[in-house]
Amino acid sequence: MTNKESEITLGMLNAVHGNSNITQRSVAGELGIALGLANSYLKRCIKKGLIKVKQAPANRYAYYLTPQGFAEKTRLTSEYLSQGFLFFRQARNQCGQIIQFCTEHGWNRIAFHGLTDMAEIATLCASEFGVKIVGIVDNSSKIKTYAGVPIVGQVSELAEIDVIIITDMGNPQSSYDKMITVLPAERVLAPAILNINRSDISQDGVRL
Protein backbone atom coordinates (compact mmCIF):
# COMPACT_ATOMS: atom_id res chain seq x y z
CA MET A 1 0.00 0.00 0.00
CA THR A 2 1.07 3.58 -0.55
CA ASN A 3 1.45 5.92 2.46
CA LYS A 4 -1.93 7.50 1.66
CA GLU A 5 -3.66 4.13 1.40
CA SER A 6 -2.11 3.02 4.69
CA GLU A 7 -3.19 6.25 6.34
CA ILE A 8 -6.82 5.87 5.20
CA THR A 9 -6.89 2.18 6.15
CA LEU A 10 -5.51 2.96 9.61
CA GLY A 11 -8.06 5.75 9.99
CA MET A 12 -10.84 3.35 9.00
CA LEU A 13 -9.70 0.70 11.50
CA ASN A 14 -9.37 3.30 14.26
CA ALA A 15 -12.85 4.64 13.52
CA VAL A 16 -14.42 1.18 13.69
CA HIS A 17 -12.52 0.34 16.86
CA GLY A 18 -13.74 3.54 18.48
CA ASN A 19 -17.40 3.14 17.54
CA SER A 20 -19.03 0.03 16.09
CA ASN A 21 -22.11 2.08 15.14
CA ILE A 22 -20.31 4.40 12.75
CA THR A 23 -21.75 5.17 9.33
CA GLN A 24 -19.88 5.48 6.09
CA ARG A 25 -20.77 9.18 6.05
CA SER A 26 -19.37 9.77 9.53
CA VAL A 27 -16.16 7.93 8.63
CA ALA A 28 -15.79 10.00 5.46
CA GLY A 29 -16.18 13.18 7.50
CA GLU A 30 -13.76 12.02 10.18
CA LEU A 31 -11.09 11.07 7.64
CA GLY A 32 -11.73 14.02 5.33
CA ILE A 33 -12.38 11.85 2.27
CA ALA A 34 -15.25 11.48 -0.19
CA LEU A 35 -18.15 9.22 0.76
CA GLY A 36 -17.48 6.95 -2.22
CA LEU A 37 -13.85 6.52 -1.17
CA ALA A 38 -14.90 5.68 2.38
CA ASN A 39 -17.29 3.08 1.00
CA SER A 40 -14.53 1.60 -1.16
CA TYR A 41 -12.05 1.31 1.73
CA LEU A 42 -14.69 -0.14 4.05
CA LYS A 43 -15.54 -2.83 1.49
CA ARG A 44 -11.84 -3.51 0.99
CA CYS A 45 -11.30 -3.96 4.73
CA ILE A 46 -14.31 -6.29 4.95
CA LYS A 47 -13.07 -8.34 1.99
CA LYS A 48 -9.61 -8.65 3.58
CA GLY A 49 -11.19 -9.90 6.79
CA LEU A 50 -10.13 -6.88 8.83
CA ILE A 51 -13.67 -5.71 9.58
CA LYS A 52 -16.81 -7.75 10.22
CA VAL A 53 -20.23 -6.28 9.53
CA LYS A 54 -23.53 -7.24 11.16
CA GLN A 55 -27.00 -5.93 10.44
CA ALA A 56 -28.45 -3.89 13.29
CA PRO A 57 -32.03 -2.70 13.96
CA ALA A 58 -33.61 0.02 11.79
CA ASN A 59 -31.75 -1.14 8.69
CA ARG A 60 -28.42 -0.07 10.14
CA TYR A 61 -25.13 -1.92 10.28
CA ALA A 62 -22.61 -2.48 13.03
CA TYR A 63 -18.93 -2.87 12.24
CA TYR A 64 -16.34 -4.72 14.32
CA LEU A 65 -12.62 -5.30 14.04
CA THR A 66 -11.66 -8.92 13.61
CA PRO A 67 -8.52 -10.30 15.31
CA GLN A 68 -6.82 -9.82 11.96
CA GLY A 69 -8.10 -6.24 11.94
CA PHE A 70 -6.63 -5.57 15.40
CA ALA A 71 -3.29 -7.00 14.25
CA GLU A 72 -3.30 -4.84 11.12
CA LYS A 73 -4.21 -1.74 13.13
CA THR A 74 -1.27 -2.40 15.45
CA ARG A 75 1.08 -2.96 12.51
CA LEU A 76 -0.01 0.20 10.68
CA THR A 77 0.21 2.28 13.86
CA SER A 78 3.76 1.09 14.46
CA GLU A 79 4.65 1.79 10.83
CA TYR A 80 3.07 5.26 10.98
CA LEU A 81 4.98 6.18 14.15
CA SER A 82 8.24 4.88 12.68
CA GLN A 83 7.74 7.01 9.58
CA GLY A 84 7.03 10.01 11.79
CA PHE A 85 10.28 9.59 13.71
CA LEU A 86 12.19 9.03 10.47
CA PHE A 87 10.69 12.22 9.00
CA PHE A 88 11.66 14.21 12.09
CA ARG A 89 15.25 12.97 12.00
CA GLN A 90 15.63 13.69 8.30
CA ALA A 91 13.95 17.09 8.53
CA ARG A 92 16.01 18.15 11.54
CA ASN A 93 19.25 17.06 9.87
CA GLN A 94 18.44 18.83 6.60
CA CYS A 95 17.18 22.03 8.28
CA GLY A 96 20.36 22.09 10.37
CA GLN A 97 22.47 21.79 7.22
CA ILE A 98 20.59 24.62 5.57
CA ILE A 99 20.95 26.98 8.52
CA GLN A 100 24.63 26.12 8.86
CA PHE A 101 25.00 26.90 5.15
CA CYS A 102 23.34 30.27 5.78
CA THR A 103 25.69 31.18 8.63
CA GLU A 104 28.71 30.23 6.54
CA HIS A 105 27.52 32.72 3.92
CA GLY A 106 26.72 35.44 6.43
CA TRP A 107 22.96 35.10 5.89
CA ASN A 108 21.75 35.68 9.41
CA ARG A 109 18.27 37.12 8.83
CA ILE A 110 16.05 34.19 7.85
CA ALA A 111 12.37 33.78 7.08
CA PHE A 112 10.30 30.64 6.63
CA HIS A 113 7.51 30.12 4.11
CA GLY A 114 4.80 27.95 5.65
CA LEU A 115 3.71 27.56 9.27
CA THR A 116 4.03 23.77 9.51
CA ASP A 117 5.80 21.05 11.47
CA MET A 118 8.78 21.74 9.20
CA ALA A 119 8.86 25.37 10.37
CA GLU A 120 8.80 24.16 13.98
CA ILE A 121 11.73 21.84 13.31
CA ALA A 122 13.63 24.62 11.50
CA THR A 123 12.97 26.96 14.44
CA LEU A 124 14.56 24.42 16.78
CA CYS A 125 17.58 24.19 14.47
CA ALA A 126 17.88 27.97 14.21
CA SER A 127 18.12 28.25 17.98
CA GLU A 128 21.39 26.34 17.78
CA PHE A 129 22.94 28.96 15.49
CA GLY A 130 23.33 32.73 15.75
CA VAL A 131 20.63 33.52 13.20
CA LYS A 132 17.52 35.62 13.53
CA ILE A 133 14.16 34.36 12.34
CA VAL A 134 12.63 37.53 10.95
CA GLY A 135 9.22 35.99 10.33
CA ILE A 136 7.09 33.22 8.90
CA VAL A 137 5.09 33.80 5.71
CA ASP A 138 1.73 32.02 5.72
CA ASN A 139 -1.35 33.74 4.37
CA SER A 140 -3.66 31.03 5.73
CA SER A 141 -2.53 31.31 9.34
CA LYS A 142 -5.03 32.52 11.90
CA ILE A 143 -2.38 33.33 14.48
CA LYS A 144 -0.05 36.30 14.32
CA THR A 145 3.01 35.00 16.14
CA TYR A 146 4.74 31.68 16.74
CA ALA A 147 7.48 31.28 19.35
CA GLY A 148 7.81 35.05 19.38
CA VAL A 149 8.20 35.20 15.59
CA PRO A 150 5.73 37.31 13.58
CA ILE A 151 3.53 35.53 11.02
CA VAL A 152 2.63 37.55 7.94
CA GLY A 153 0.72 36.98 4.74
CA GLN A 154 3.33 38.36 2.32
CA VAL A 155 7.12 38.58 2.22
CA SER A 156 6.80 42.34 1.66
CA GLU A 157 5.45 42.67 5.20
CA LEU A 158 8.75 41.49 6.69
CA ALA A 159 11.81 43.51 7.48
CA GLU A 160 14.87 42.95 5.28
CA ILE A 161 15.77 39.26 4.99
CA ASP A 162 18.83 37.46 3.67
CA VAL A 163 17.17 34.18 2.78
CA ILE A 164 13.84 32.38 2.89
CA ILE A 165 13.51 28.68 3.67
CA ILE A 166 10.54 26.78 2.25
CA THR A 167 8.75 24.99 5.08
CA ASP A 168 5.38 24.61 3.32
CA MET A 169 4.49 20.92 3.37
CA GLY A 170 1.17 21.24 1.54
CA ASN A 171 2.42 22.57 -1.78
CA PRO A 172 6.16 23.28 -1.44
CA GLN A 173 6.73 23.48 -5.21
CA SER A 174 4.18 26.28 -5.58
CA SER A 175 5.73 28.14 -2.64
CA TYR A 176 9.20 27.80 -4.13
CA ASP A 177 8.07 28.96 -7.58
CA LYS A 178 6.43 32.00 -6.00
CA MET A 179 9.38 32.90 -3.79
CA ILE A 180 11.95 32.88 -6.60
CA THR A 181 9.96 35.72 -8.19
CA VAL A 182 10.56 37.72 -5.01
CA LEU A 183 14.13 36.76 -4.12
CA PRO A 184 17.11 35.47 -6.14
CA ALA A 185 16.86 31.70 -6.54
CA GLU A 186 20.08 31.18 -4.56
CA ARG A 187 18.41 32.86 -1.58
CA VAL A 188 15.41 30.48 -1.61
CA LEU A 189 16.36 27.25 0.14
CA ALA A 190 14.48 24.08 1.09
CA PRO A 191 15.03 20.73 2.78
CA ALA A 192 15.49 17.99 0.17
CA ILE A 193 12.74 15.97 1.86
CA LEU A 194 10.18 18.37 0.33
CA ASN A 195 11.17 17.17 -3.17
CA ILE A 196 11.13 20.57 -4.83
CA ASN A 197 11.97 20.39 -8.53
CA ARG A 198 15.11 22.36 -9.34
CA SER A 199 18.34 21.39 -11.01
CA ASP A 200 20.91 22.96 -8.69
CA ILE A 201 20.78 20.39 -5.89
CA SER A 202 23.78 19.78 -3.66
CA GLN A 203 24.78 16.28 -2.62
CA ASP A 204 24.29 16.79 1.14
CA GLY A 205 20.52 16.65 1.33
CA VAL A 206 20.09 20.40 1.02
CA ARG A 207 18.41 21.98 -1.99
CA LEU A 208 20.35 25.18 -2.62
C-alpha atoms as a PDB file:
ATOM      1  CA  MET A   1       0.000   0.000   0.000  1.00  0.00           C
ATOM      2  CA  THR A   2       1.070   3.580  -0.551  1.00  0.00           C
ATOM      3  CA  ASN A   3       1.447   5.920   2.455  1.00  0.00           C
ATOM      4  CA  LYS A   4      -1.929   7.498   1.660  1.00  0.00           C
ATOM      5  CA  GLU A   5      -3.661   4.126   1.398  1.00  0.00           C
ATOM      6  CA  SER A   6      -2.106   3.016   4.685  1.00  0.00           C
ATOM      7  CA  GLU A   7      -3.189   6.253   6.339  1.00  0.00           C
ATOM      8  CA  ILE A   8      -6.817   5.866   5.201  1.00  0.00           C
ATOM      9  CA  THR A   9      -6.886   2.180   6.152  1.00  0.00           C
ATOM     10  CA  LEU A  10      -5.508   2.961   9.609  1.00  0.00           C
ATOM     11  CA  GLY A  11      -8.061   5.755   9.991  1.00  0.00           C
ATOM     12  CA  MET A  12     -10.836   3.346   8.996  1.00  0.00           C
ATOM     13  CA  LEU A  13      -9.699   0.704  11.503  1.00  0.00           C
ATOM     14  CA  ASN A  14      -9.373   3.298  14.261  1.00  0.00           C
ATOM     15  CA  ALA A  15     -12.848   4.639  13.521  1.00  0.00           C
ATOM     16  CA  VAL A  16     -14.423   1.180  13.691  1.00  0.00           C
ATOM     17  CA  HIS A  17     -12.517   0.338  16.859  1.00  0.00           C
ATOM     18  CA  GLY A  18     -13.741   3.536  18.481  1.00  0.00           C
ATOM     19  CA  ASN A  19     -17.399   3.139  17.539  1.00  0.00           C
ATOM     20  CA  SER A  20     -19.033   0.030  16.095  1.00  0.00           C
ATOM     21  CA  ASN A  21     -22.114   2.076  15.142  1.00  0.00           C
ATOM     22  CA  ILE A  22     -20.308   4.395  12.747  1.00  0.00           C
ATOM     23  CA  THR A  23     -21.747   5.169   9.334  1.00  0.00           C
ATOM     24  CA  GLN A  24     -19.881   5.479   6.088  1.00  0.00           C
ATOM     25  CA  ARG A  25     -20.775   9.176   6.050  1.00  0.00           C
ATOM     26  CA  SER A  26     -19.369   9.771   9.529  1.00  0.00           C
ATOM     27  CA  VAL A  27     -16.160   7.935   8.632  1.00  0.00           C
ATOM     28  CA  ALA A  28     -15.795   9.999   5.463  1.00  0.00           C
ATOM     29  CA  GLY A  29     -16.179  13.179   7.498  1.00  0.00           C
ATOM     30  CA  GLU A  30     -13.761  12.022  10.175  1.00  0.00           C
ATOM     31  CA  LEU A  31     -11.089  11.070   7.636  1.00  0.00           C
ATOM     32  CA  GLY A  32     -11.734  14.019   5.330  1.00  0.00           C
ATOM     33  CA  ILE A  33     -12.376  11.851   2.269  1.00  0.00           C
ATOM     34  CA  ALA A  34     -15.247  11.478  -0.189  1.00  0.00           C
ATOM     35  CA  LEU A  35     -18.151   9.221   0.761  1.00  0.00           C
ATOM     36  CA  GLY A  36     -17.485   6.946  -2.222  1.00  0.00           C
ATOM     37  CA  LEU A  37     -13.854   6.517  -1.174  1.00  0.00           C
ATOM     38  CA  ALA A  38     -14.898   5.681   2.380  1.00  0.00           C
ATOM     39  CA  ASN A  39     -17.293   3.084   1.000  1.00  0.00           C
ATOM     40  CA  SER A  40     -14.534   1.601  -1.159  1.00  0.00           C
ATOM     41  CA  TYR A  41     -12.053   1.310   1.732  1.00  0.00           C
ATOM     42  CA  LEU A  42     -14.685  -0.138   4.050  1.00  0.00           C
ATOM     43  CA  LYS A  43     -15.536  -2.829   1.490  1.00  0.00           C
ATOM     44  CA  ARG A  44     -11.843  -3.509   0.989  1.00  0.00           C
ATOM     45  CA  CYS A  45     -11.300  -3.956   4.733  1.00  0.00           C
ATOM     46  CA  ILE A  46     -14.307  -6.290   4.946  1.00  0.00           C
ATOM     47  CA  LYS A  47     -13.072  -8.339   1.987  1.00  0.00           C
ATOM     48  CA  LYS A  48      -9.614  -8.655   3.576  1.00  0.00           C
ATOM     49  CA  GLY A  49     -11.191  -9.899   6.785  1.00  0.00           C
ATOM     50  CA  LEU A  50     -10.130  -6.882   8.829  1.00  0.00           C
ATOM     51  CA  ILE A  51     -13.673  -5.706   9.580  1.00  0.00           C
ATOM     52  CA  LYS A  52     -16.809  -7.753  10.220  1.00  0.00           C
ATOM     53  CA  VAL A  53     -20.234  -6.277   9.528  1.00  0.00           C
ATOM     54  CA  LYS A  54     -23.533  -7.237  11.159  1.00  0.00           C
ATOM     55  CA  GLN A  55     -26.996  -5.925  10.435  1.00  0.00           C
ATOM     56  CA  ALA A  56     -28.449  -3.892  13.290  1.00  0.00           C
ATOM     57  CA  PRO A  57     -32.030  -2.698  13.958  1.00  0.00           C
ATOM     58  CA  ALA A  58     -33.605   0.019  11.788  1.00  0.00           C
ATOM     59  CA  ASN A  59     -31.746  -1.138   8.685  1.00  0.00           C
ATOM     60  CA  ARG A  60     -28.416  -0.066  10.135  1.00  0.00           C
ATOM     61  CA  TYR A  61     -25.135  -1.918  10.285  1.00  0.00           C
ATOM     62  CA  ALA A  62     -22.611  -2.478  13.035  1.00  0.00           C
ATOM     63  CA  TYR A  63     -18.927  -2.868  12.238  1.00  0.00           C
ATOM     64  CA  TYR A  64     -16.337  -4.723  14.320  1.00  0.00           C
ATOM     65  CA  LEU A  65     -12.620  -5.299  14.036  1.00  0.00           C
ATOM     66  CA  THR A  66     -11.658  -8.920  13.609  1.00  0.00           C
ATOM     67  CA  PRO A  67      -8.523 -10.303  15.312  1.00  0.00           C
ATOM     68  CA  GLN A  68      -6.816  -9.823  11.961  1.00  0.00           C
ATOM     69  CA  GLY A  69      -8.100  -6.241  11.937  1.00  0.00           C
ATOM     70  CA  PHE A  70      -6.631  -5.572  15.397  1.00  0.00           C
ATOM     71  CA  ALA A  71      -3.293  -6.997  14.254  1.00  0.00           C
ATOM     72  CA  GLU A  72      -3.302  -4.841  11.119  1.00  0.00           C
ATOM     73  CA  LYS A  73      -4.205  -1.736  13.132  1.00  0.00           C
ATOM     74  CA  THR A  74      -1.268  -2.396  15.449  1.00  0.00           C
ATOM     75  CA  ARG A  75       1.078  -2.957  12.507  1.00  0.00           C
ATOM     76  CA  LEU A  76      -0.012   0.196  10.682  1.00  0.00           C
ATOM     77  CA  THR A  77       0.209   2.276  13.863  1.00  0.00           C
ATOM     78  CA  SER A  78       3.760   1.093  14.462  1.00  0.00           C
ATOM     79  CA  GLU A  79       4.647   1.793  10.825  1.00  0.00           C
ATOM     80  CA  TYR A  80       3.072   5.258  10.978  1.00  0.00           C
ATOM     81  CA  LEU A  81       4.977   6.181  14.149  1.00  0.00           C
ATOM     82  CA  SER A  82       8.240   4.884  12.682  1.00  0.00           C
ATOM     83  CA  GLN A  83       7.745   7.014   9.579  1.00  0.00           C
ATOM     84  CA  GLY A  84       7.030  10.014  11.788  1.00  0.00           C
ATOM     85  CA  PHE A  85      10.281   9.586  13.713  1.00  0.00           C
ATOM     86  CA  LEU A  86      12.191   9.034  10.470  1.00  0.00           C
ATOM     87  CA  PHE A  87      10.687  12.216   9.003  1.00  0.00           C
ATOM     88  CA  PHE A  88      11.659  14.210  12.092  1.00  0.00           C
ATOM     89  CA  ARG A  89      15.248  12.966  12.004  1.00  0.00           C
ATOM     90  CA  GLN A  90      15.626  13.686   8.297  1.00  0.00           C
ATOM     91  CA  ALA A  91      13.954  17.090   8.528  1.00  0.00           C
ATOM     92  CA  ARG A  92      16.012  18.153  11.538  1.00  0.00           C
ATOM     93  CA  ASN A  93      19.246  17.060   9.869  1.00  0.00           C
ATOM     94  CA  GLN A  94      18.443  18.833   6.596  1.00  0.00           C
ATOM     95  CA  CYS A  95      17.185  22.026   8.277  1.00  0.00           C
ATOM     96  CA  GLY A  96      20.364  22.091  10.365  1.00  0.00           C
ATOM     97  CA  GLN A  97      22.471  21.791   7.224  1.00  0.00           C
ATOM     98  CA  ILE A  98      20.590  24.622   5.566  1.00  0.00           C
ATOM     99  CA  ILE A  99      20.952  26.976   8.523  1.00  0.00           C
ATOM    100  CA  GLN A 100      24.628  26.117   8.859  1.00  0.00           C
ATOM    101  CA  PHE A 101      25.004  26.901   5.153  1.00  0.00           C
ATOM    102  CA  CYS A 102      23.338  30.274   5.778  1.00  0.00           C
ATOM    103  CA  THR A 103      25.686  31.176   8.628  1.00  0.00           C
ATOM    104  CA  GLU A 104      28.714  30.229   6.537  1.00  0.00           C
ATOM    105  CA  HIS A 105      27.523  32.723   3.918  1.00  0.00           C
ATOM    106  CA  GLY A 106      26.719  35.439   6.427  1.00  0.00           C
ATOM    107  CA  TRP A 107      22.963  35.102   5.888  1.00  0.00           C
ATOM    108  CA  ASN A 108      21.749  35.685   9.412  1.00  0.00           C
ATOM    109  CA  ARG A 109      18.269  37.124   8.826  1.00  0.00           C
ATOM    110  CA  ILE A 110      16.054  34.192   7.849  1.00  0.00           C
ATOM    111  CA  ALA A 111      12.366  33.785   7.084  1.00  0.00           C
ATOM    112  CA  PHE A 112      10.301  30.638   6.629  1.00  0.00           C
ATOM    113  CA  HIS A 113       7.511  30.119   4.107  1.00  0.00           C
ATOM    114  CA  GLY A 114       4.796  27.948   5.645  1.00  0.00           C
ATOM    115  CA  LEU A 115       3.709  27.558   9.269  1.00  0.00           C
ATOM    116  CA  THR A 116       4.030  23.770   9.507  1.00  0.00           C
ATOM    117  CA  ASP A 117       5.804  21.054  11.466  1.00  0.00           C
ATOM    118  CA  MET A 118       8.780  21.739   9.205  1.00  0.00           C
ATOM    119  CA  ALA A 119       8.862  25.366  10.374  1.00  0.00           C
ATOM    120  CA  GLU A 120       8.795  24.158  13.976  1.00  0.00           C
ATOM    121  CA  ILE A 121      11.729  21.843  13.308  1.00  0.00           C
ATOM    122  CA  ALA A 122      13.626  24.621  11.504  1.00  0.00           C
ATOM    123  CA  THR A 123      12.970  26.959  14.437  1.00  0.00           C
ATOM    124  CA  LEU A 124      14.561  24.419  16.784  1.00  0.00           C
ATOM    125  CA  CYS A 125      17.576  24.190  14.475  1.00  0.00           C
ATOM    126  CA  ALA A 126      17.884  27.972  14.206  1.00  0.00           C
ATOM    127  CA  SER A 127      18.116  28.254  17.982  1.00  0.00           C
ATOM    128  CA  GLU A 128      21.390  26.336  17.784  1.00  0.00           C
ATOM    129  CA  PHE A 129      22.944  28.956  15.490  1.00  0.00           C
ATOM    130  CA  GLY A 130      23.330  32.728  15.755  1.00  0.00           C
ATOM    131  CA  VAL A 131      20.634  33.518  13.205  1.00  0.00           C
ATOM    132  CA  LYS A 132      17.515  35.623  13.535  1.00  0.00           C
ATOM    133  CA  ILE A 133      14.158  34.355  12.340  1.00  0.00           C
ATOM    134  CA  VAL A 134      12.633  37.526  10.950  1.00  0.00           C
ATOM    135  CA  GLY A 135       9.218  35.992  10.333  1.00  0.00           C
ATOM    136  CA  ILE A 136       7.086  33.220   8.897  1.00  0.00           C
ATOM    137  CA  VAL A 137       5.089  33.798   5.714  1.00  0.00           C
ATOM    138  CA  ASP A 138       1.733  32.018   5.719  1.00  0.00           C
ATOM    139  CA  ASN A 139      -1.355  33.745   4.371  1.00  0.00           C
ATOM    140  CA  SER A 140      -3.663  31.035   5.726  1.00  0.00           C
ATOM    141  CA  SER A 141      -2.532  31.307   9.339  1.00  0.00           C
ATOM    142  CA  LYS A 142      -5.034  32.522  11.905  1.00  0.00           C
ATOM    143  CA  ILE A 143      -2.379  33.328  14.482  1.00  0.00           C
ATOM    144  CA  LYS A 144      -0.049  36.305  14.324  1.00  0.00           C
ATOM    145  CA  THR A 145       3.007  35.002  16.136  1.00  0.00           C
ATOM    146  CA  TYR A 146       4.740  31.676  16.736  1.00  0.00           C
ATOM    147  CA  ALA A 147       7.480  31.278  19.354  1.00  0.00           C
ATOM    148  CA  GLY A 148       7.806  35.054  19.378  1.00  0.00           C
ATOM    149  CA  VAL A 149       8.199  35.200  15.590  1.00  0.00           C
ATOM    150  CA  PRO A 150       5.726  37.315  13.576  1.00  0.00           C
ATOM    151  CA  ILE A 151       3.531  35.529  11.022  1.00  0.00           C
ATOM    152  CA  VAL A 152       2.629  37.547   7.940  1.00  0.00           C
ATOM    153  CA  GLY A 153       0.717  36.984   4.739  1.00  0.00           C
ATOM    154  CA  GLN A 154       3.330  38.358   2.319  1.00  0.00           C
ATOM    155  CA  VAL A 155       7.118  38.580   2.216  1.00  0.00           C
ATOM    156  CA  SER A 156       6.796  42.338   1.665  1.00  0.00           C
ATOM    157  CA  GLU A 157       5.450  42.674   5.198  1.00  0.00           C
ATOM    158  CA  LEU A 158       8.746  41.486   6.685  1.00  0.00           C
ATOM    159  CA  ALA A 159      11.809  43.513   7.483  1.00  0.00           C
ATOM    160  CA  GLU A 160      14.866  42.952   5.285  1.00  0.00           C
ATOM    161  CA  ILE A 161      15.775  39.265   4.993  1.00  0.00           C
ATOM    162  CA  ASP A 162      18.828  37.462   3.668  1.00  0.00           C
ATOM    163  CA  VAL A 163      17.172  34.179   2.778  1.00  0.00           C
ATOM    164  CA  ILE A 164      13.841  32.378   2.886  1.00  0.00           C
ATOM    165  CA  ILE A 165      13.514  28.675   3.666  1.00  0.00           C
ATOM    166  CA  ILE A 166      10.545  26.777   2.248  1.00  0.00           C
ATOM    167  CA  THR A 167       8.746  24.990   5.083  1.00  0.00           C
ATOM    168  CA  ASP A 168       5.385  24.608   3.322  1.00  0.00           C
ATOM    169  CA  MET A 169       4.487  20.917   3.368  1.00  0.00           C
ATOM    170  CA  GLY A 170       1.169  21.237   1.542  1.00  0.00           C
ATOM    171  CA  ASN A 171       2.422  22.573  -1.777  1.00  0.00           C
ATOM    172  CA  PRO A 172       6.157  23.284  -1.442  1.00  0.00           C
ATOM    173  CA  GLN A 173       6.727  23.481  -5.210  1.00  0.00           C
ATOM    174  CA  SER A 174       4.185  26.277  -5.582  1.00  0.00           C
ATOM    175  CA  SER A 175       5.731  28.140  -2.638  1.00  0.00           C
ATOM    176  CA  TYR A 176       9.200  27.799  -4.127  1.00  0.00           C
ATOM    177  CA  ASP A 177       8.070  28.960  -7.576  1.00  0.00           C
ATOM    178  CA  LYS A 178       6.430  31.996  -5.999  1.00  0.00           C
ATOM    179  CA  MET A 179       9.382  32.900  -3.785  1.00  0.00           C
ATOM    180  CA  ILE A 180      11.948  32.877  -6.599  1.00  0.00           C
ATOM    181  CA  THR A 181       9.957  35.719  -8.186  1.00  0.00           C
ATOM    182  CA  VAL A 182      10.563  37.721  -5.011  1.00  0.00           C
ATOM    183  CA  LEU A 183      14.128  36.758  -4.118  1.00  0.00           C
ATOM    184  CA  PRO A 184      17.105  35.473  -6.141  1.00  0.00           C
ATOM    185  CA  ALA A 185      16.860  31.695  -6.538  1.00  0.00           C
ATOM    186  CA  GLU A 186      20.083  31.181  -4.557  1.00  0.00           C
ATOM    187  CA  ARG A 187      18.409  32.858  -1.579  1.00  0.00           C
ATOM    188  CA  VAL A 188      15.406  30.483  -1.608  1.00  0.00           C
ATOM    189  CA  LEU A 189      16.359  27.246   0.139  1.00  0.00           C
ATOM    190  CA  ALA A 190      14.483  24.084   1.086  1.00  0.00           C
ATOM    191  CA  PRO A 191      15.025  20.726   2.780  1.00  0.00           C
ATOM    192  CA  ALA A 192      15.492  17.986   0.171  1.00  0.00           C
ATOM    193  CA  ILE A 193      12.742  15.970   1.862  1.00  0.00           C
ATOM    194  CA  LEU A 194      10.176  18.373   0.329  1.00  0.00           C
ATOM    195  CA  ASN A 195      11.174  17.166  -3.171  1.00  0.00           C
ATOM    196  CA  ILE A 196      11.131  20.573  -4.830  1.00  0.00           C
ATOM    197  CA  ASN A 197      11.969  20.387  -8.527  1.00  0.00           C
ATOM    198  CA  ARG A 198      15.110  22.360  -9.345  1.00  0.00           C
ATOM    199  CA  SER A 199      18.336  21.395 -11.013  1.00  0.00           C
ATOM    200  CA  ASP A 200      20.913  22.957  -8.687  1.00  0.00           C
ATOM    201  CA  ILE A 201      20.782  20.392  -5.891  1.00  0.00           C
ATOM    202  CA  SER A 202      23.782  19.780  -3.665  1.00  0.00           C
ATOM    203  CA  GLN A 203      24.784  16.284  -2.622  1.00  0.00           C
ATOM    204  CA  ASP A 204      24.292  16.791   1.138  1.00  0.00           C
ATOM    205  CA  GLY A 205      20.522  16.654   1.328  1.00  0.00           C
ATOM    206  CA  VAL A 206      20.087  20.405   1.020  1.00  0.00           C
ATOM    207  CA  ARG A 207      18.414  21.980  -1.989  1.00  0.00           C
ATOM    208  CA  LEU A 208      20.346  25.185  -2.621  1.00  0.00           C
END
